[in-house]
């Protein structure tokens, strides 16, 4: 199944909804139906309760007329379930089997709220989606931070920049990937915030495009290679300049020493002949 990434444009709203939802109370009837299921562990109960709380909160926004993301909440909830179960090191359930079990065990809850098309997201898509989700969580952290918290703002901004830069390198121009369209949407959202927010450091660059990341990196590699070649050439030139002959000054010294020694030899020989 081709995955739908379009819900990410509303993701920061859903992340905010989740914060409020988890502080809400859930009817004991609905929470009890999250426990004592076959092959169930305590963490499965916790995920089930959280899942129901978020669904209940989103449904309440429909009732009050506050909800306007009417095409993206179901794909988001399917991702959310895949994400939560994917955090477990050894999960006995996939998103599809988990949802089927809790729906069968508590049909009244899902009839009174809404149902989703729960399915398993591929490992590759889920990896990209998790990274996008982390980007939007950082974005949500930034927009809710006190602008006076400079350290917090800078820390979140740096995290966001590094994660985005790592992801955008998967988006070679001409290669169509849903992750890349979702990243461009995030980039536009973030850069708009950066220009308007007092929290973000105006001295740091906006989120770059693929070419802005790759081309400087390629230039850096080329410069590094050129410098290395230059150093090697300079070393070769230094070695080639090591003198193999004596300098004129040294030659003059040797000539003087040689002349002195020669003259001494002649005088000594003459002296010996004269003596005998």
C-alpha atoms as a PDB file:
ATOM      1  CA  UNK A   1       0.000   0.000   0.000  1.00  0.00           C
ATOM      2  CA  UNK A   2       1.310   3.438  -0.992  1.00  0.00           C
ATOM      3  CA  UNK A   3       1.570   5.518   2.137  1.00  0.00           C
ATOM      4  CA  UNK A   4      -0.032   8.922   2.487  1.00  0.00           C
ATOM      5  CA  UNK A   5       2.324  11.601   3.822  1.00  0.00           C
ATOM      6  CA  UNK A   6      -0.096  14.518   3.431  1.00  0.00           C
ATOM      7  CA  UNK A   7      -1.240  14.339   7.060  1.00  0.00           C
ATOM      8  CA  UNK A   8       2.136  15.732   8.110  1.00  0.00           C
ATOM      9  CA  UNK A   9       1.065  19.223   7.051  1.00  0.00           C
ATOM     10  CA  UNK A  10      -1.277  19.135  10.070  1.00  0.00           C
ATOM     11  CA  UNK A  11       1.098  17.151  12.250  1.00  0.00           C
ATOM     12  CA  UNK A  12       2.094  19.958  14.608  1.00  0.00           C
ATOM     13  CA  UNK A  13      -1.616  20.476  15.400  1.00  0.00           C
ATOM     14  CA  UNK A  14      -2.072  16.780  16.163  1.00  0.00           C
ATOM     15  CA  UNK A  15       0.989  16.817  18.404  1.00  0.00           C
ATOM     16  CA  UNK A  16      -0.583  19.680  20.340  1.00  0.00           C
ATOM     17  CA  UNK A  17      -3.904  17.775  20.456  1.00  0.00           C
ATOM     18  CA  UNK A  18      -2.093  14.754  21.865  1.00  0.00           C
ATOM     19  CA  UNK A  19      -0.677  16.832  24.726  1.00  0.00           C
ATOM     20  CA  UNK A  20      -4.169  17.911  25.771  1.00  0.00           C
ATOM     21  CA  UNK A  21      -5.678  14.481  25.142  1.00  0.00           C
ATOM     22  CA  UNK A  22      -3.278  12.663  27.462  1.00  0.00           C
ATOM     23  CA  UNK A  23      -4.295  14.967  30.310  1.00  0.00           C
ATOM     24  CA  UNK A  24      -7.970  14.088  29.823  1.00  0.00           C
ATOM     25  CA  UNK A  25      -9.767  11.403  31.774  1.00  0.00           C
ATOM     26  CA  UNK A  26     -10.921   8.229  30.060  1.00  0.00           C
ATOM     27  CA  UNK A  27     -14.014   6.406  31.244  1.00  0.00           C
ATOM     28  CA  UNK A  28     -13.076   3.495  33.480  1.00  0.00           C
ATOM     29  CA  UNK A  29     -15.182   1.265  31.240  1.00  0.00           C
ATOM     30  CA  UNK A  30     -13.068   2.130  28.207  1.00  0.00           C
ATOM     31  CA  UNK A  31      -9.787   1.940  30.107  1.00  0.00           C
ATOM     32  CA  UNK A  32     -10.678  -1.435  31.640  1.00  0.00           C
ATOM     33  CA  UNK A  33     -11.279  -2.773  28.151  1.00  0.00           C
ATOM     34  CA  UNK A  34      -7.621  -2.030  27.437  1.00  0.00           C
ATOM     35  CA  UNK A  35      -6.441  -4.624  29.950  1.00  0.00           C
ATOM     36  CA  UNK A  36      -6.541  -8.389  30.378  1.00  0.00           C
ATOM     37  CA  UNK A  37      -6.371  -9.183  26.679  1.00  0.00           C
ATOM     38  CA  UNK A  38      -4.654 -12.292  25.258  1.00  0.00           C
ATOM     39  CA  UNK A  39      -0.819 -12.028  25.173  1.00  0.00           C
ATOM     40  CA  UNK A  40      -1.170  -8.554  26.673  1.00  0.00           C
ATOM     41  CA  UNK A  41       1.572  -6.723  28.536  1.00  0.00           C
ATOM     42  CA  UNK A  42       1.332  -3.595  30.658  1.00  0.00           C
ATOM     43  CA  UNK A  43       2.823  -1.432  27.908  1.00  0.00           C
ATOM     44  CA  UNK A  44       0.108  -2.636  25.512  1.00  0.00           C
ATOM     45  CA  UNK A  45      -2.493  -1.415  27.998  1.00  0.00           C
ATOM     46  CA  UNK A  46      -0.733   1.968  28.182  1.00  0.00           C
ATOM     47  CA  UNK A  47      -0.693   2.346  24.376  1.00  0.00           C
ATOM     48  CA  UNK A  48      -4.347   1.312  24.142  1.00  0.00           C
ATOM     49  CA  UNK A  49      -5.405   3.926  26.715  1.00  0.00           C
ATOM     50  CA  UNK A  50      -3.351   6.668  25.017  1.00  0.00           C
ATOM     51  CA  UNK A  51      -4.775   5.710  21.621  1.00  0.00           C
ATOM     52  CA  UNK A  52      -8.346   5.948  22.903  1.00  0.00           C
ATOM     53  CA  UNK A  53      -7.652   9.266  24.626  1.00  0.00           C
ATOM     54  CA  UNK A  54      -6.367  10.851  21.411  1.00  0.00           C
ATOM     55  CA  UNK A  55      -9.299   9.488  19.387  1.00  0.00           C
ATOM     56  CA  UNK A  56     -11.738  10.738  22.040  1.00  0.00           C
ATOM     57  CA  UNK A  57     -10.134  14.202  22.047  1.00  0.00           C
ATOM     58  CA  UNK A  58     -10.189  14.519  18.241  1.00  0.00           C
ATOM     59  CA  UNK A  59     -13.799  13.331  18.184  1.00  0.00           C
ATOM     60  CA  UNK A  60     -14.740  15.963  20.783  1.00  0.00           C
ATOM     61  CA  UNK A  61     -13.351  18.646  18.462  1.00  0.00           C
ATOM     62  CA  UNK A  62     -15.719  17.421  15.767  1.00  0.00           C
ATOM     63  CA  UNK A  63     -18.638  17.785  18.163  1.00  0.00           C
ATOM     64  CA  UNK A  64     -17.694  21.334  19.202  1.00  0.00           C
ATOM     65  CA  UNK A  65     -16.921  22.397  15.640  1.00  0.00           C
ATOM     66  CA  UNK A  66     -13.268  23.142  16.465  1.00  0.00           C
ATOM     67  CA  UNK A  67     -11.833  20.445  14.233  1.00  0.00           C
ATOM     68  CA  UNK A  68     -10.952  21.278  10.636  1.00  0.00           C
ATOM     69  CA  UNK A  69      -8.404  18.631   9.607  1.00  0.00           C
ATOM     70  CA  UNK A  70     -11.138  16.429   8.187  1.00  0.00           C
ATOM     71  CA  UNK A  71      -9.008  14.503   5.701  1.00  0.00           C
ATOM     72  CA  UNK A  72      -5.822  13.784   7.618  1.00  0.00           C
ATOM     73  CA  UNK A  73      -6.695  12.618  11.131  1.00  0.00           C
ATOM     74  CA  UNK A  74      -7.264   8.954  10.221  1.00  0.00           C
ATOM     75  CA  UNK A  75      -3.912   8.472   8.408  1.00  0.00           C
ATOM     76  CA  UNK A  76      -2.288  10.297  11.317  1.00  0.00           C
ATOM     77  CA  UNK A  77      -3.828   7.941  13.890  1.00  0.00           C
ATOM     78  CA  UNK A  78      -2.678   4.935  11.856  1.00  0.00           C
ATOM     79  CA  UNK A  79       0.857   6.348  11.816  1.00  0.00           C
ATOM     80  CA  UNK A  80       0.615   7.134  15.539  1.00  0.00           C
ATOM     81  CA  UNK A  81      -0.228   3.507  16.307  1.00  0.00           C
ATOM     82  CA  UNK A  82       2.601   2.188  14.101  1.00  0.00           C
ATOM     83  CA  UNK A  83       4.972   4.664  15.739  1.00  0.00           C
ATOM     84  CA  UNK A  84       4.042   3.737  19.315  1.00  0.00           C
ATOM     85  CA  UNK A  85       4.277  -0.011  18.692  1.00  0.00           C
ATOM     86  CA  UNK A  86       7.511   0.523  16.763  1.00  0.00           C
ATOM     87  CA  UNK A  87       9.066   2.033  19.891  1.00  0.00           C
ATOM     88  CA  UNK A  88       8.791  -1.343  21.612  1.00  0.00           C
ATOM     89  CA  UNK A  89      11.840  -3.542  21.220  1.00  0.00           C
ATOM     90  CA  UNK A  90       9.865  -6.780  21.118  1.00  0.00           C
ATOM     91  CA  UNK A  91       6.234  -6.153  20.220  1.00  0.00           C
ATOM     92  CA  UNK A  92       3.914  -9.118  19.836  1.00  0.00           C
ATOM     93  CA  UNK A  93       1.530  -7.049  17.744  1.00  0.00           C
ATOM     94  CA  UNK A  94       1.576  -5.109  14.520  1.00  0.00           C
ATOM     95  CA  UNK A  95      -0.558  -1.985  14.191  1.00  0.00           C
ATOM     96  CA  UNK A  96      -3.132  -3.943  12.221  1.00  0.00           C
ATOM     97  CA  UNK A  97      -3.425  -6.834  14.683  1.00  0.00           C
ATOM     98  CA  UNK A  98      -3.361  -4.482  17.692  1.00  0.00           C
ATOM     99  CA  UNK A  99      -6.184  -2.323  16.346  1.00  0.00           C
ATOM    100  CA  UNK A 100      -8.275  -5.330  15.362  1.00  0.00           C
ATOM    101  CA  UNK A 101      -7.992  -6.754  18.877  1.00  0.00           C
ATOM    102  CA  UNK A 102      -8.937  -3.569  20.747  1.00  0.00           C
ATOM    103  CA  UNK A 103     -11.780  -2.809  18.316  1.00  0.00           C
ATOM    104  CA  UNK A 104     -13.259  -6.277  18.769  1.00  0.00           C
ATOM    105  CA  UNK A 105     -12.881  -6.012  22.537  1.00  0.00           C
ATOM    106  CA  UNK A 106     -14.489  -2.562  22.766  1.00  0.00           C
ATOM    107  CA  UNK A 107     -16.812  -2.002  19.770  1.00  0.00           C
ATOM    108  CA  UNK A 108     -18.927   0.583  21.618  1.00  0.00           C
ATOM    109  CA  UNK A 109     -15.996   2.990  21.944  1.00  0.00           C
ATOM    110  CA  UNK A 110     -15.164   2.957  18.229  1.00  0.00           C
ATOM    111  CA  UNK A 111     -18.821   3.132  17.200  1.00  0.00           C
ATOM    112  CA  UNK A 112     -19.324   6.229  19.349  1.00  0.00           C
ATOM    113  CA  UNK A 113     -16.141   7.918  18.079  1.00  0.00           C
ATOM    114  CA  UNK A 114     -14.624   6.849  14.745  1.00  0.00           C
ATOM    115  CA  UNK A 115     -12.784   3.939  13.158  1.00  0.00           C
ATOM    116  CA  UNK A 116      -9.578   4.035  11.138  1.00  0.00           C
ATOM    117  CA  UNK A 117      -8.109   1.923   8.370  1.00  0.00           C
ATOM    118  CA  UNK A 118      -5.372   0.426  10.523  1.00  0.00           C
ATOM    119  CA  UNK A 119      -2.595  -1.163   8.487  1.00  0.00           C
ATOM    120  CA  UNK A 120       1.104  -1.856   8.843  1.00  0.00           C
ATOM    121  CA  UNK A 121       3.447   0.795   7.476  1.00  0.00           C
ATOM    122  CA  UNK A 122       6.559  -0.548   5.741  1.00  0.00           C
ATOM    123  CA  UNK A 123       9.845  -0.323   7.601  1.00  0.00           C
ATOM    124  CA  UNK A 124      11.297   2.175   5.113  1.00  0.00           C
ATOM    125  CA  UNK A 125       8.263   4.484   5.161  1.00  0.00           C
ATOM    126  CA  UNK A 126       8.002   4.264   8.936  1.00  0.00           C
ATOM    127  CA  UNK A 127      11.656   5.265   9.286  1.00  0.00           C
ATOM    128  CA  UNK A 128      11.062   8.421   7.225  1.00  0.00           C
ATOM    129  CA  UNK A 129       7.775   9.149   8.983  1.00  0.00           C
ATOM    130  CA  UNK A 130       9.382   8.874  12.411  1.00  0.00           C
ATOM    131  CA  UNK A 131      11.985  11.441  11.381  1.00  0.00           C
ATOM    132  CA  UNK A 132       9.294  13.784  10.049  1.00  0.00           C
ATOM    133  CA  UNK A 133       7.341  13.324  13.268  1.00  0.00           C
ATOM    134  CA  UNK A 134      10.468  14.213  15.259  1.00  0.00           C
ATOM    135  CA  UNK A 135      10.886  17.364  13.139  1.00  0.00           C
ATOM    136  CA  UNK A 136       7.319  18.441  13.847  1.00  0.00           C
ATOM    137  CA  UNK A 137       7.733  17.722  17.548  1.00  0.00           C
ATOM    138  CA  UNK A 138      10.770  20.020  17.553  1.00  0.00           C
ATOM    139  CA  UNK A 139       8.733  22.622  15.674  1.00  0.00           C
ATOM    140  CA  UNK A 140       5.963  22.321  18.263  1.00  0.00           C
ATOM    141  CA  UNK A 141       8.516  22.668  21.062  1.00  0.00           C
ATOM    142  CA  UNK A 142       9.878  25.843  19.455  1.00  0.00           C
ATOM    143  CA  UNK A 143       6.506  27.560  18.983  1.00  0.00           C
ATOM    144  CA  UNK A 144       5.519  26.799  22.577  1.00  0.00           C
ATOM    145  CA  UNK A 145       8.832  27.854  24.165  1.00  0.00           C
ATOM    146  CA  UNK A 146       9.201  31.120  26.026  1.00  0.00           C
ATOM    147  CA  UNK A 147      11.202  33.424  23.668  1.00  0.00           C
ATOM    148  CA  UNK A 148      13.232  34.455  26.693  1.00  0.00           C
ATOM    149  CA  UNK A 149      14.559  30.908  27.013  1.00  0.00           C
ATOM    150  CA  UNK A 150      17.485  31.493  24.641  1.00  0.00           C
ATOM    151  CA  UNK A 151      19.293  28.251  25.483  1.00  0.00           C
ATOM    152  CA  UNK A 152      16.162  26.188  24.928  1.00  0.00           C
ATOM    153  CA  UNK A 153      15.400  27.910  21.623  1.00  0.00           C
ATOM    154  CA  UNK A 154      18.946  27.490  20.299  1.00  0.00           C
ATOM    155  CA  UNK A 155      19.104  23.852  21.369  1.00  0.00           C
ATOM    156  CA  UNK A 156      15.820  22.961  19.621  1.00  0.00           C
ATOM    157  CA  UNK A 157      16.793  24.961  16.547  1.00  0.00           C
ATOM    158  CA  UNK A 158      20.126  23.152  16.223  1.00  0.00           C
ATOM    159  CA  UNK A 159      18.454  19.752  16.644  1.00  0.00           C
ATOM    160  CA  UNK A 160      15.930  20.653  13.972  1.00  0.00           C
ATOM    161  CA  UNK A 161      18.572  21.915  11.530  1.00  0.00           C
ATOM    162  CA  UNK A 162      20.763  18.809  11.902  1.00  0.00           C
ATOM    163  CA  UNK A 163      17.864  16.359  11.500  1.00  0.00           C
ATOM    164  CA  UNK A 164      16.447  18.201   8.485  1.00  0.00           C
ATOM    165  CA  UNK A 165      19.868  18.463   6.815  1.00  0.00           C
ATOM    166  CA  UNK A 166      20.369  14.720   7.229  1.00  0.00           C
ATOM    167  CA  UNK A 167      16.948  13.926   5.721  1.00  0.00           C
ATOM    168  CA  UNK A 168      17.102  16.328   2.756  1.00  0.00           C
ATOM    169  CA  UNK A 169      20.150  14.500   1.399  1.00  0.00           C
ATOM    170  CA  UNK A 170      17.771  11.687   0.383  1.00  0.00           C
ATOM    171  CA  UNK A 171      16.023  14.070  -2.002  1.00  0.00           C
ATOM    172  CA  UNK A 172      18.100  14.199  -5.178  1.00  0.00           C
ATOM    173  CA  UNK A 173      16.446  16.551  -7.726  1.00  0.00           C
ATOM    174  CA  UNK A 174      14.381  14.607 -10.253  1.00  0.00           C
ATOM    175  CA  UNK A 175      13.757  11.678  -7.906  1.00  0.00           C
ATOM    176  CA  UNK A 176      10.178  11.784  -6.646  1.00  0.00           C
ATOM    177  CA  UNK A 177       9.717  10.659  -3.063  1.00  0.00           C
ATOM    178  CA  UNK A 178       6.822  11.447  -0.766  1.00  0.00           C
ATOM    179  CA  UNK A 179       9.262  12.142   2.048  1.00  0.00           C
ATOM    180  CA  UNK A 180      10.765  14.950  -0.077  1.00  0.00           C
ATOM    181  CA  UNK A 181       7.437  16.685  -0.698  1.00  0.00           C
ATOM    182  CA  UNK A 182       6.715  16.432   3.036  1.00  0.00           C
ATOM    183  CA  UNK A 183      10.161  17.888   3.815  1.00  0.00           C
ATOM    184  CA  UNK A 184       9.569  20.835   1.481  1.00  0.00           C
ATOM    185  CA  UNK A 185       6.266  21.515   3.251  1.00  0.00           C
ATOM    186  CA  UNK A 186       8.066  21.432   6.596  1.00  0.00           C
ATOM    187  CA  UNK A 187      10.859  23.665   5.294  1.00  0.00           C
ATOM    188  CA  UNK A 188       8.339  26.297   4.151  1.00  0.00           C
ATOM    189  CA  UNK A 189       6.529  26.153   7.501  1.00  0.00           C
ATOM    190  CA  UNK A 190       9.738  26.354   9.532  1.00  0.00           C
ATOM    191  CA  UNK A 191      11.361  29.142   7.506  1.00  0.00           C
ATOM    192  CA  UNK A 192       8.181  31.226   7.826  1.00  0.00           C
ATOM    193  CA  UNK A 193       8.331  30.725  11.584  1.00  0.00           C
ATOM    194  CA  UNK A 194      12.041  31.593  11.643  1.00  0.00           C
ATOM    195  CA  UNK A 195      11.397  34.945   9.991  1.00  0.00           C
ATOM    196  CA  UNK A 196       8.613  35.784  12.444  1.00  0.00           C
ATOM    197  CA  UNK A 197       9.578  34.144  15.735  1.00  0.00           C
ATOM    198  CA  UNK A 198      11.514  35.921  18.463  1.00  0.00           C
ATOM    199  CA  UNK A 199      12.631  32.536  19.763  1.00  0.00           C
ATOM    200  CA  UNK A 200      14.800  31.529  16.813  1.00  0.00           C
ATOM    201  CA  UNK A 201      18.345  32.756  16.252  1.00  0.00           C
ATOM    202  CA  UNK A 202      18.284  35.083  13.231  1.00  0.00           C
ATOM    203  CA  UNK A 203      22.035  34.577  12.699  1.00  0.00           C
ATOM    204  CA  UNK A 204      21.620  30.885  11.880  1.00  0.00           C
ATOM    205  CA  UNK A 205      20.594  30.057   8.292  1.00  0.00           C
ATOM    206  CA  UNK A 206      17.126  28.980   7.232  1.00  0.00           C
ATOM    207  CA  UNK A 207      16.577  25.317   6.376  1.00  0.00           C
ATOM    208  CA  UNK A 208      18.377  24.728   3.057  1.00  0.00           C
ATOM    209  CA  UNK A 209      17.348  23.008  -0.169  1.00  0.00           C
ATOM    210  CA  UNK A 210      19.019  19.805  -1.383  1.00  0.00           C
ATOM    211  CA  UNK A 211      21.450  21.759  -3.602  1.00  0.00           C
ATOM    212  CA  UNK A 212      22.336  24.137  -0.785  1.00  0.00           C
ATOM    213  CA  UNK A 213      23.366  21.127   1.309  1.00  0.00           C
ATOM    214  CA  UNK A 214      25.090  18.972  -1.323  1.00  0.00           C
ATOM    215  CA  UNK A 215      26.944  21.513  -3.503  1.00  0.00           C
ATOM    216  CA  UNK A 216      28.846  23.228  -0.642  1.00  0.00           C
ATOM    217  CA  UNK A 217      29.757  19.762   0.618  1.00  0.00           C
ATOM    218  CA  UNK A 218      31.114  18.807  -2.811  1.00  0.00           C
ATOM    219  CA  UNK A 219      33.057  22.078  -3.017  1.00  0.00           C
ATOM    220  CA  UNK A 220      34.459  21.429   0.430  1.00  0.00           C
ATOM    221  CA  UNK A 221      35.643  17.992  -0.681  1.00  0.00           C
ATOM    222  CA  UNK A 222      37.284  19.510  -3.779  1.00  0.00           C
ATOM    223  CA  UNK A 223      39.029  22.233  -1.771  1.00  0.00           C
ATOM    224  CA  UNK A 224      40.251  19.627   0.686  1.00  0.00           C
ATOM    225  CA  UNK A 225      41.631  17.500  -2.146  1.00  0.00           C
ATOM    226  CA  UNK A 226      43.326  20.529  -3.745  1.00  0.00           C
ATOM    227  CA  UNK A 227      44.937  21.481  -0.445  1.00  0.00           C
ATOM    228  CA  UNK A 228      46.189  17.932   0.000  1.00  0.00           C
ATOM    229  CA  UNK A 229      47.686  17.922  -3.506  1.00  0.00           C
ATOM    230  CA  UNK A 230      49.266  21.329  -2.852  1.00  0.00           C
ATOM    231  CA  UNK A 231      50.900  20.100   0.362  1.00  0.00           C
ATOM    232  CA  UNK A 232      52.218  17.005  -1.425  1.00  0.00           C
ATOM    233  CA  UNK A 233      53.621  19.160  -4.252  1.00  0.00           C
ATOM    234  CA  UNK A 234      55.293  21.508  -1.772  1.00  0.00           C
ATOM    235  CA  UNK A 235      56.856  18.529   0.007  1.00  0.00           C
ATOM    236  CA  UNK A 236      58.198  17.174  -3.289  1.00  0.00           C
ATOM    237  CA  UNK A 237      59.585  20.605  -4.172  1.00  0.00           C
ATOM    238  CA  UNK A 238      61.272  20.898  -0.767  1.00  0.00           C
ATOM    239  CA  UNK A 239      62.923  17.508  -1.211  1.00  0.00           C
ATOM    240  CA  UNK A 240      64.088  18.386  -4.736  1.00  0.00           C
ATOM    241  CA  UNK A 241      65.759  21.558  -3.409  1.00  0.00           C
ATOM    242  CA  UNK A 242      67.978  19.699  -0.920  1.00  0.00           C
ATOM    243  CA  UNK A 243      71.569  20.613  -2.128  1.00  0.00           C
ATOM    244  CA  UNK A 244      73.666  17.811  -3.620  1.00  0.00           C
ATOM    245  CA  UNK A 245      76.696  20.097  -4.219  1.00  0.00           C
ATOM    246  CA  UNK A 246      78.590  22.341  -1.816  1.00  0.00           C
ATOM    247  CA  UNK A 247      77.826  26.032  -1.845  1.00  0.00           C
ATOM    248  CA  UNK A 248      80.446  28.473  -3.252  1.00  0.00           C
ATOM    249  CA  UNK A 249      81.333  29.581   0.275  1.00  0.00           C
ATOM    250  CA  UNK A 250      82.040  26.016   1.342  1.00  0.00           C
ATOM    251  CA  UNK A 251      84.049  25.427  -1.862  1.00  0.00           C
ATOM    252  CA  UNK A 252      86.225  28.471  -1.100  1.00  0.00           C
ATOM    253  CA  UNK A 253      86.857  27.216   2.443  1.00  0.00           C
ATOM    254  CA  UNK A 254      87.909  23.812   1.120  1.00  0.00           C
ATOM    255  CA  UNK A 255      90.157  25.427  -1.506  1.00  0.00           C
ATOM    256  CA  UNK A 256      91.854  27.526   1.183  1.00  0.00           C
ATOM    257  CA  UNK A 257      92.330  24.487   3.421  1.00  0.00           C
ATOM    258  CA  UNK A 258      93.660  22.503   0.452  1.00  0.00           C
ATOM    259  CA  UNK A 259      96.116  25.243  -0.505  1.00  0.00           C
ATOM    260  CA  UNK A 260      97.358  25.549   3.065  1.00  0.00           C
ATOM    261  CA  UNK A 261      97.844  21.807   3.371  1.00  0.00           C
ATOM    262  CA  UNK A 262      99.653  21.724   0.001  1.00  0.00           C
ATOM    263  CA  UNK A 263     102.021  24.514   0.965  1.00  0.00           C
ATOM    264  CA  UNK A 264     102.768  22.880   4.294  1.00  0.00           C
ATOM    265  CA  UNK A 265     103.642  19.647   2.532  1.00  0.00           C
ATOM    266  CA  UNK A 266     106.094  21.429   0.192  1.00  0.00           C
ATOM    267  CA  UNK A 267     107.848  23.275   3.033  1.00  0.00           C
ATOM    268  CA  UNK A 268     108.084  20.103   5.082  1.00  0.00           C
ATOM    269  CA  UNK A 269     109.615  18.186   2.154  1.00  0.00           C
ATOM    270  CA  UNK A 270     112.158  20.972   1.493  1.00  0.00           C
ATOM    271  CA  UNK A 271     113.117  21.045   5.141  1.00  0.00           C
ATOM    272  CA  UNK A 272     113.698  17.284   5.203  1.00  0.00           C
ATOM    273  CA  UNK A 273     115.948  17.416   2.093  1.00  0.00           C
ATOM    274  CA  UNK A 274     117.972  20.300   3.476  1.00  0.00           C
ATOM    275  CA  UNK A 275     118.446  18.552   6.800  1.00  0.00           C
ATOM    276  CA  UNK A 276     119.830  15.394   5.265  1.00  0.00           C
END
